[in-house]
Amino acid sequence: MKYAAIARYTPDASTIAKARPAHREYLTGLIEQGKLVMSGPFTDDRGGLLIYEAETPAEVEKLVAEDPF
């Protein structure tokens, strides 16, 4: 089943820049595992949308909690 999550970014651009490489590496791993369908930032860069493939909401919550972003 697919689940969508909306991420809201901090207004501190330097915090976002520091976390983004590890976040993207994490997302690449999820794609390889078949657990992430798609993701990307909103055009205003104040947040983003992630679409997960998971069996339960609890699994999605775990994936979100483990994201270094």
PDB file of N, CA and C in Angstrom:
ATOM      1  N   MET A   1       0.833  -1.157   0.000  1.00  0.00           N
ATOM      2  CA  MET A   1       0.000   0.000   0.000  1.00  0.00           C
ATOM      3  C   MET A   1       0.897   1.246   0.000  1.00  0.00           C
ATOM      4  N   LYS A   2       0.434   2.262  -0.658  1.00  0.00           N
ATOM      5  CA  LYS A   2       1.207   3.503  -0.728  1.00  0.00           C
ATOM      6  C   LYS A   2       0.732   4.478   0.355  1.00  0.00           C
ATOM      7  N   TYR A   3       1.710   5.181   0.935  1.00  0.00           N
ATOM      8  CA  TYR A   3       1.453   6.185   1.957  1.00  0.00           C
ATOM      9  C   TYR A   3       2.211   7.444   1.581  1.00  0.00           C
ATOM     10  N   ALA A   4       1.581   8.589   1.775  1.00  0.00           N
ATOM     11  CA  ALA A   4       2.233   9.867   1.490  1.00  0.00           C
ATOM     12  C   ALA A   4       2.566  10.572   2.801  1.00  0.00           C
ATOM     13  N   ALA A   5       3.696  11.241   2.806  1.00  0.00           N
ATOM     14  CA  ALA A   5       4.110  12.044   3.956  1.00  0.00           C
ATOM     15  C   ALA A   5       4.570  13.397   3.449  1.00  0.00           C
ATOM     16  N   ILE A   6       4.207  14.419   4.176  1.00  0.00           N
ATOM     17  CA  ILE A   6       4.654  15.768   3.851  1.00  0.00           C
ATOM     18  C   ILE A   6       5.687  16.183   4.896  1.00  0.00           C
ATOM     19  N   ALA A   7       6.844  16.590   4.419  1.00  0.00           N
ATOM     20  CA  ALA A   7       7.909  17.069   5.307  1.00  0.00           C
ATOM     21  C   ALA A   7       7.891  18.591   5.283  1.00  0.00           C
ATOM     22  N   ARG A   8       7.997  19.183   6.451  1.00  0.00           N
ATOM     23  CA  ARG A   8       8.123  20.642   6.543  1.00  0.00           C
ATOM     24  C   ARG A   8       9.541  20.939   6.991  1.00  0.00           C
ATOM     25  N   TYR A   9      10.235  21.726   6.202  1.00  0.00           N
ATOM     26  CA  TYR A   9      11.626  22.042   6.486  1.00  0.00           C
ATOM     27  C   TYR A   9      11.746  23.174   7.495  1.00  0.00           C
ATOM     28  N   THR A  10      12.850  23.164   8.201  1.00  0.00           N
ATOM     29  CA  THR A  10      13.205  24.279   9.059  1.00  0.00           C
ATOM     30  C   THR A  10      13.523  25.491   8.172  1.00  0.00           C
ATOM     31  N   PRO A  11      13.296  26.691   8.650  1.00  0.00           N
ATOM     32  CA  PRO A  11      13.657  27.867   7.846  1.00  0.00           C
ATOM     33  C   PRO A  11      15.169  28.105   7.791  1.00  0.00           C
ATOM     34  N   ASP A  12      15.939  27.354   8.567  1.00  0.00           N
ATOM     35  CA  ASP A  12      17.399  27.505   8.598  1.00  0.00           C
ATOM     36  C   ASP A  12      18.025  26.746   7.422  1.00  0.00           C
ATOM     37  N   ALA A  13      18.381  27.466   6.383  1.00  0.00           N
ATOM     38  CA  ALA A  13      18.913  26.854   5.163  1.00  0.00           C
ATOM     39  C   ALA A  13      20.202  26.078   5.402  1.00  0.00           C
ATOM     40  N   SER A  14      21.020  26.500   6.338  1.00  0.00           N
ATOM     41  CA  SER A  14      22.280  25.783   6.584  1.00  0.00           C
ATOM     42  C   SER A  14      22.015  24.413   7.213  1.00  0.00           C
ATOM     43  N   THR A  15      21.013  24.308   8.048  1.00  0.00           N
ATOM     44  CA  THR A  15      20.645  23.018   8.629  1.00  0.00           C
ATOM     45  C   THR A  15      20.166  22.065   7.535  1.00  0.00           C
ATOM     46  N   ILE A  16      19.370  22.578   6.631  1.00  0.00           N
ATOM     47  CA  ILE A  16      18.877  21.773   5.509  1.00  0.00           C
ATOM     48  C   ILE A  16      20.055  21.312   4.659  1.00  0.00           C
ATOM     49  N   ALA A  17      20.950  22.206   4.320  1.00  0.00           N
ATOM     50  CA  ALA A  17      22.099  21.873   3.475  1.00  0.00           C
ATOM     51  C   ALA A  17      22.982  20.802   4.118  1.00  0.00           C
ATOM     52  N   LYS A  18      23.160  20.865   5.423  1.00  0.00           N
ATOM     53  CA  LYS A  18      23.991  19.870   6.118  1.00  0.00           C
ATOM     54  C   LYS A  18      23.350  18.496   6.119  1.00  0.00           C
ATOM     55  N   ALA A  19      22.037  18.448   6.265  1.00  0.00           N
ATOM     56  CA  ALA A  19      21.330  17.164   6.380  1.00  0.00           C
ATOM     57  C   ALA A  19      20.991  16.528   5.029  1.00  0.00           C
ATOM     58  N   ARG A  20      20.925  17.317   3.989  1.00  0.00           N
ATOM     59  CA  ARG A  20      20.433  16.821   2.697  1.00  0.00           C
ATOM     60  C   ARG A  20      21.257  15.665   2.115  1.00  0.00           C
ATOM     61  N   PRO A  21      22.582  15.663   2.156  1.00  0.00           N
ATOM     62  CA  PRO A  21      23.320  14.526   1.570  1.00  0.00           C
ATOM     63  C   PRO A  21      22.975  13.187   2.238  1.00  0.00           C
ATOM     64  N   ALA A  22      22.916  13.152   3.559  1.00  0.00           N
ATOM     65  CA  ALA A  22      22.568  11.904   4.254  1.00  0.00           C
ATOM     66  C   ALA A  22      21.116  11.514   3.974  1.00  0.00           C
ATOM     67  N   HIS A  23      20.256  12.507   3.879  1.00  0.00           N
ATOM     68  CA  HIS A  23      18.841  12.268   3.554  1.00  0.00           C
ATOM     69  C   HIS A  23      18.721  11.620   2.184  1.00  0.00           C
ATOM     70  N   ARG A  24      19.416  12.166   1.212  1.00  0.00           N
ATOM     71  CA  ARG A  24      19.339  11.609  -0.154  1.00  0.00           C
ATOM     72  C   ARG A  24      19.922  10.201  -0.220  1.00  0.00           C
ATOM     73  N   GLU A  25      20.977   9.957   0.525  1.00  0.00           N
ATOM     74  CA  GLU A  25      21.555   8.607   0.579  1.00  0.00           C
ATOM     75  C   GLU A  25      20.543   7.630   1.192  1.00  0.00           C
ATOM     76  N   TYR A  26      19.890   8.055   2.243  1.00  0.00           N
ATOM     77  CA  TYR A  26      18.868   7.237   2.887  1.00  0.00           C
ATOM     78  C   TYR A  26      17.735   6.933   1.903  1.00  0.00           C
ATOM     79  N   LEU A  27      17.265   7.944   1.182  1.00  0.00           N
ATOM     80  CA  LEU A  27      16.185   7.747   0.225  1.00  0.00           C
ATOM     81  C   LEU A  27      16.597   6.814  -0.904  1.00  0.00           C
ATOM     82  N   THR A  28      17.841   6.912  -1.352  1.00  0.00           N
ATOM     83  CA  THR A  28      18.334   6.001  -2.389  1.00  0.00           C
ATOM     84  C   THR A  28      18.237   4.558  -1.905  1.00  0.00           C
ATOM     85  N   GLY A  29      18.613   4.332  -0.651  1.00  0.00           N
ATOM     86  CA  GLY A  29      18.498   2.993  -0.078  1.00  0.00           C
ATOM     87  C   GLY A  29      17.057   2.510  -0.040  1.00  0.00           C
ATOM     88  N   LEU A  30      16.125   3.402   0.296  1.00  0.00           N
ATOM     89  CA  LEU A  30      14.714   3.020   0.318  1.00  0.00           C
ATOM     90  C   LEU A  30      14.206   2.671  -1.079  1.00  0.00           C
ATOM     91  N   ILE A  31      14.655   3.427  -2.076  1.00  0.00           N
ATOM     92  CA  ILE A  31      14.265   3.125  -3.456  1.00  0.00           C
ATOM     93  C   ILE A  31      14.764   1.734  -3.835  1.00  0.00           C
ATOM     94  N   GLU A  32      16.003   1.446  -3.501  1.00  0.00           N
ATOM     95  CA  GLU A  32      16.590   0.139  -3.821  1.00  0.00           C
ATOM     96  C   GLU A  32      15.851  -1.002  -3.121  1.00  0.00           C
ATOM     97  N   GLN A  33      15.291  -0.731  -1.951  1.00  0.00           N
ATOM     98  CA  GLN A  33      14.528  -1.733  -1.204  1.00  0.00           C
ATOM     99  C   GLN A  33      13.063  -1.807  -1.646  1.00  0.00           C
ATOM    100  N   GLY A  34      12.652  -0.914  -2.541  1.00  0.00           N
ATOM    101  CA  GLY A  34      11.262  -0.882  -2.977  1.00  0.00           C
ATOM    102  C   GLY A  34      10.331  -0.245  -1.963  1.00  0.00           C
ATOM    103  N   LYS A  35      10.880   0.557  -1.042  1.00  0.00           N
ATOM    104  CA  LYS A  35      10.070   1.163   0.016  1.00  0.00           C
ATOM    105  C   LYS A  35       9.741   2.633  -0.248  1.00  0.00           C
ATOM    106  N   LEU A  36      10.351   3.230  -1.272  1.00  0.00           N
ATOM    107  CA  LEU A  36      10.054   4.611  -1.632  1.00  0.00           C
ATOM    108  C   LEU A  36       9.662   4.659  -3.097  1.00  0.00           C
ATOM    109  N   VAL A  37       8.482   5.197  -3.368  1.00  0.00           N
ATOM    110  CA  VAL A  37       7.970   5.285  -4.734  1.00  0.00           C
ATOM    111  C   VAL A  37       8.506   6.533  -5.412  1.00  0.00           C
ATOM    112  N   MET A  38       8.420   7.657  -4.714  1.00  0.00           N
ATOM    113  CA  MET A  38       8.932   8.917  -5.250  1.00  0.00           C
ATOM    114  C   MET A  38       9.007   9.940  -4.125  1.00  0.00           C
ATOM    115  N   SER A  39       9.813  10.974  -4.349  1.00  0.00           N
ATOM    116  CA  SER A  39       9.917  12.052  -3.376  1.00  0.00           C
ATOM    117  C   SER A  39      10.511  13.279  -4.040  1.00  0.00           C
ATOM    118  N   GLY A  40      10.314  14.409  -3.394  1.00  0.00           N
ATOM    119  CA  GLY A  40      10.919  15.625  -3.907  1.00  0.00           C
ATOM    120  C   GLY A  40      10.463  16.839  -3.131  1.00  0.00           C
ATOM    121  N   PRO A  41      11.231  17.917  -3.234  1.00  0.00           N
ATOM    122  CA  PRO A  41      10.885  19.148  -2.530  1.00  0.00           C
ATOM    123  C   PRO A  41       9.789  19.915  -3.260  1.00  0.00           C
ATOM    124  N   PHE A  42       9.071  20.725  -2.507  1.00  0.00           N
ATOM    125  CA  PHE A  42       8.117  21.646  -3.111  1.00  0.00           C
ATOM    126  C   PHE A  42       8.900  22.780  -3.773  1.00  0.00           C
ATOM    127  N   THR A  43       8.293  23.466  -4.703  1.00  0.00           N
ATOM    128  CA  THR A  43       9.001  24.503  -5.453  1.00  0.00           C
ATOM    129  C   THR A  43       9.464  25.664  -4.581  1.00  0.00           C
ATOM    130  N   ASP A  44       8.803  25.882  -3.452  1.00  0.00           N
ATOM    131  CA  ASP A  44       9.242  26.962  -2.567  1.00  0.00           C
ATOM    132  C   ASP A  44      10.318  26.493  -1.582  1.00  0.00           C
ATOM    133  N   ASP A  45      10.687  25.219  -1.630  1.00  0.00           N
ATOM    134  CA  ASP A  45      11.715  24.602  -0.781  1.00  0.00           C
ATOM    135  C   ASP A  45      11.429  24.765   0.711  1.00  0.00           C
ATOM    136  N   ARG A  46      10.142  24.819   1.051  1.00  0.00           N
ATOM    137  CA  ARG A  46       9.771  24.877   2.468  1.00  0.00           C
ATOM    138  C   ARG A  46       9.327  23.509   2.976  1.00  0.00           C
ATOM    139  N   GLY A  47       9.388  22.506   2.102  1.00  0.00           N
ATOM    140  CA  GLY A  47       8.978  21.163   2.477  1.00  0.00           C
ATOM    141  C   GLY A  47       9.032  20.256   1.272  1.00  0.00           C
ATOM    142  N   GLY A  48       8.555  19.049   1.458  1.00  0.00           N
ATOM    143  CA  GLY A  48       8.577  18.099   0.362  1.00  0.00           C
ATOM    144  C   GLY A  48       7.542  17.007   0.569  1.00  0.00           C
ATOM    145  N   LEU A  49       7.373  16.194  -0.464  1.00  0.00           N
ATOM    146  CA  LEU A  49       6.430  15.085  -0.459  1.00  0.00           C
ATOM    147  C   LEU A  49       7.205  13.791  -0.657  1.00  0.00           C
ATOM    148  N   LEU A  50       6.871  12.791   0.141  1.00  0.00           N
ATOM    149  CA  LEU A  50       7.470  11.469   0.014  1.00  0.00           C
ATOM    150  C   LEU A  50       6.340  10.458  -0.095  1.00  0.00           C
ATOM    151  N   ILE A  51       6.455   9.520  -1.012  1.00  0.00           N
ATOM    152  CA  ILE A  51       5.448   8.467  -1.164  1.00  0.00           C
ATOM    153  C   ILE A  51       6.138   7.133  -0.931  1.00  0.00           C
ATOM    154  N   TYR A  52       5.702   6.468   0.130  1.00  0.00           N
ATOM    155  CA  TYR A  52       6.301   5.205   0.565  1.00  0.00           C
ATOM    156  C   TYR A  52       5.440   4.024   0.135  1.00  0.00           C
ATOM    157  N   GLU A  53       6.063   2.879   0.012  1.00  0.00           N
ATOM    158  CA  GLU A  53       5.392   1.596  -0.184  1.00  0.00           C
ATOM    159  C   GLU A  53       5.626   0.820   1.097  1.00  0.00           C
ATOM    160  N   ALA A  54       4.536   0.496   1.814  1.00  0.00           N
ATOM    161  CA  ALA A  54       4.675  -0.188   3.094  1.00  0.00           C
ATOM    162  C   ALA A  54       3.427  -1.017   3.380  1.00  0.00           C
ATOM    163  N   GLU A  55       3.569  -1.930   4.314  1.00  0.00           N
ATOM    164  CA  GLU A  55       2.447  -2.775   4.705  1.00  0.00           C
ATOM    165  C   GLU A  55       1.538  -2.096   5.728  1.00  0.00           C
ATOM    166  N   THR A  56       2.120  -1.274   6.599  1.00  0.00           N
ATOM    167  CA  THR A  56       1.341  -0.668   7.685  1.00  0.00           C
ATOM    168  C   THR A  56       1.766   0.780   7.921  1.00  0.00           C
ATOM    169  N   PRO A  57       0.895   1.557   8.541  1.00  0.00           N
ATOM    170  CA  PRO A  57       1.299   2.914   8.924  1.00  0.00           C
ATOM    171  C   PRO A  57       2.491   2.907   9.881  1.00  0.00           C
ATOM    172  N   ALA A  58       2.573   1.911  10.742  1.00  0.00           N
ATOM    173  CA  ALA A  58       3.698   1.826  11.680  1.00  0.00           C
ATOM    174  C   ALA A  58       5.022   1.669  10.941  1.00  0.00           C
ATOM    175  N   GLU A  59       5.014   0.936   9.844  1.00  0.00           N
ATOM    176  CA  GLU A  59       6.238   0.783   9.043  1.00  0.00           C
ATOM    177  C   GLU A  59       6.651   2.129   8.452  1.00  0.00           C
ATOM    178  N   VAL A  60       5.698   2.893   7.993  1.00  0.00           N
ATOM    179  CA  VAL A  60       5.993   4.221   7.435  1.00  0.00           C
ATOM    180  C   VAL A  60       6.540   5.134   8.527  1.00  0.00           C
ATOM    181  N   GLU A  61       5.935   5.104   9.692  1.00  0.00           N
ATOM    182  CA  GLU A  61       6.423   5.923  10.800  1.00  0.00           C
ATOM    183  C   GLU A  61       7.873   5.599  11.131  1.00  0.00           C
ATOM    184  N   LYS A  62       8.231   4.323  11.053  1.00  0.00           N
ATOM    185  CA  LYS A  62       9.615   3.905  11.303  1.00  0.00           C
ATOM    186  C   LYS A  62      10.539   4.452  10.216  1.00  0.00           C
ATOM    187  N   LEU A  63      10.117   4.365   8.960  1.00  0.00           N
ATOM    188  CA  LEU A  63      10.933   4.880   7.856  1.00  0.00           C
ATOM    189  C   LEU A  63      11.158   6.383   8.009  1.00  0.00           C
ATOM    190  N   VAL A  64      10.126   7.098   8.384  1.00  0.00           N
ATOM    191  CA  VAL A  64      10.231   8.545   8.562  1.00  0.00           C
ATOM    192  C   VAL A  64      11.165   8.848   9.744  1.00  0.00           C
ATOM    193  N   ALA A  65      11.003   8.129  10.829  1.00  0.00           N
ATOM    194  CA  ALA A  65      11.823   8.374  12.022  1.00  0.00           C
ATOM    195  C   ALA A  65      13.314   8.092  11.776  1.00  0.00           C
ATOM    196  N   GLU A  66      13.612   7.162  10.884  1.00  0.00           N
ATOM    197  CA  GLU A  66      15.000   6.816  10.598  1.00  0.00           C
ATOM    198  C   GLU A  66      15.656   7.731   9.569  1.00  0.00           C
ATOM    199  N   ASP A  67      14.887   8.593   8.952  1.00  0.00           N
ATOM    200  CA  ASP A  67      15.421   9.515   7.948  1.00  0.00           C
ATOM    201  C   ASP A  67      16.265  10.581   8.650  1.00  0.00           C
ATOM    202  N   PRO A  68      17.525  10.750   8.245  1.00  0.00           N
ATOM    203  CA  PRO A  68      18.389  11.742   8.902  1.00  0.00           C
ATOM    204  C   PRO A  68      17.953  13.190   8.682  1.00  0.00           C
ATOM    205  N   PHE A  69      17.010  13.416   7.817  1.00  0.00           N
ATOM    206  CA  PHE A  69      16.526  14.767   7.556  1.00  0.00           C
ATOM    207  C   PHE A  69      15.663  15.229   8.690  1.00  0.00           C
TER     208      PHE A  69
END
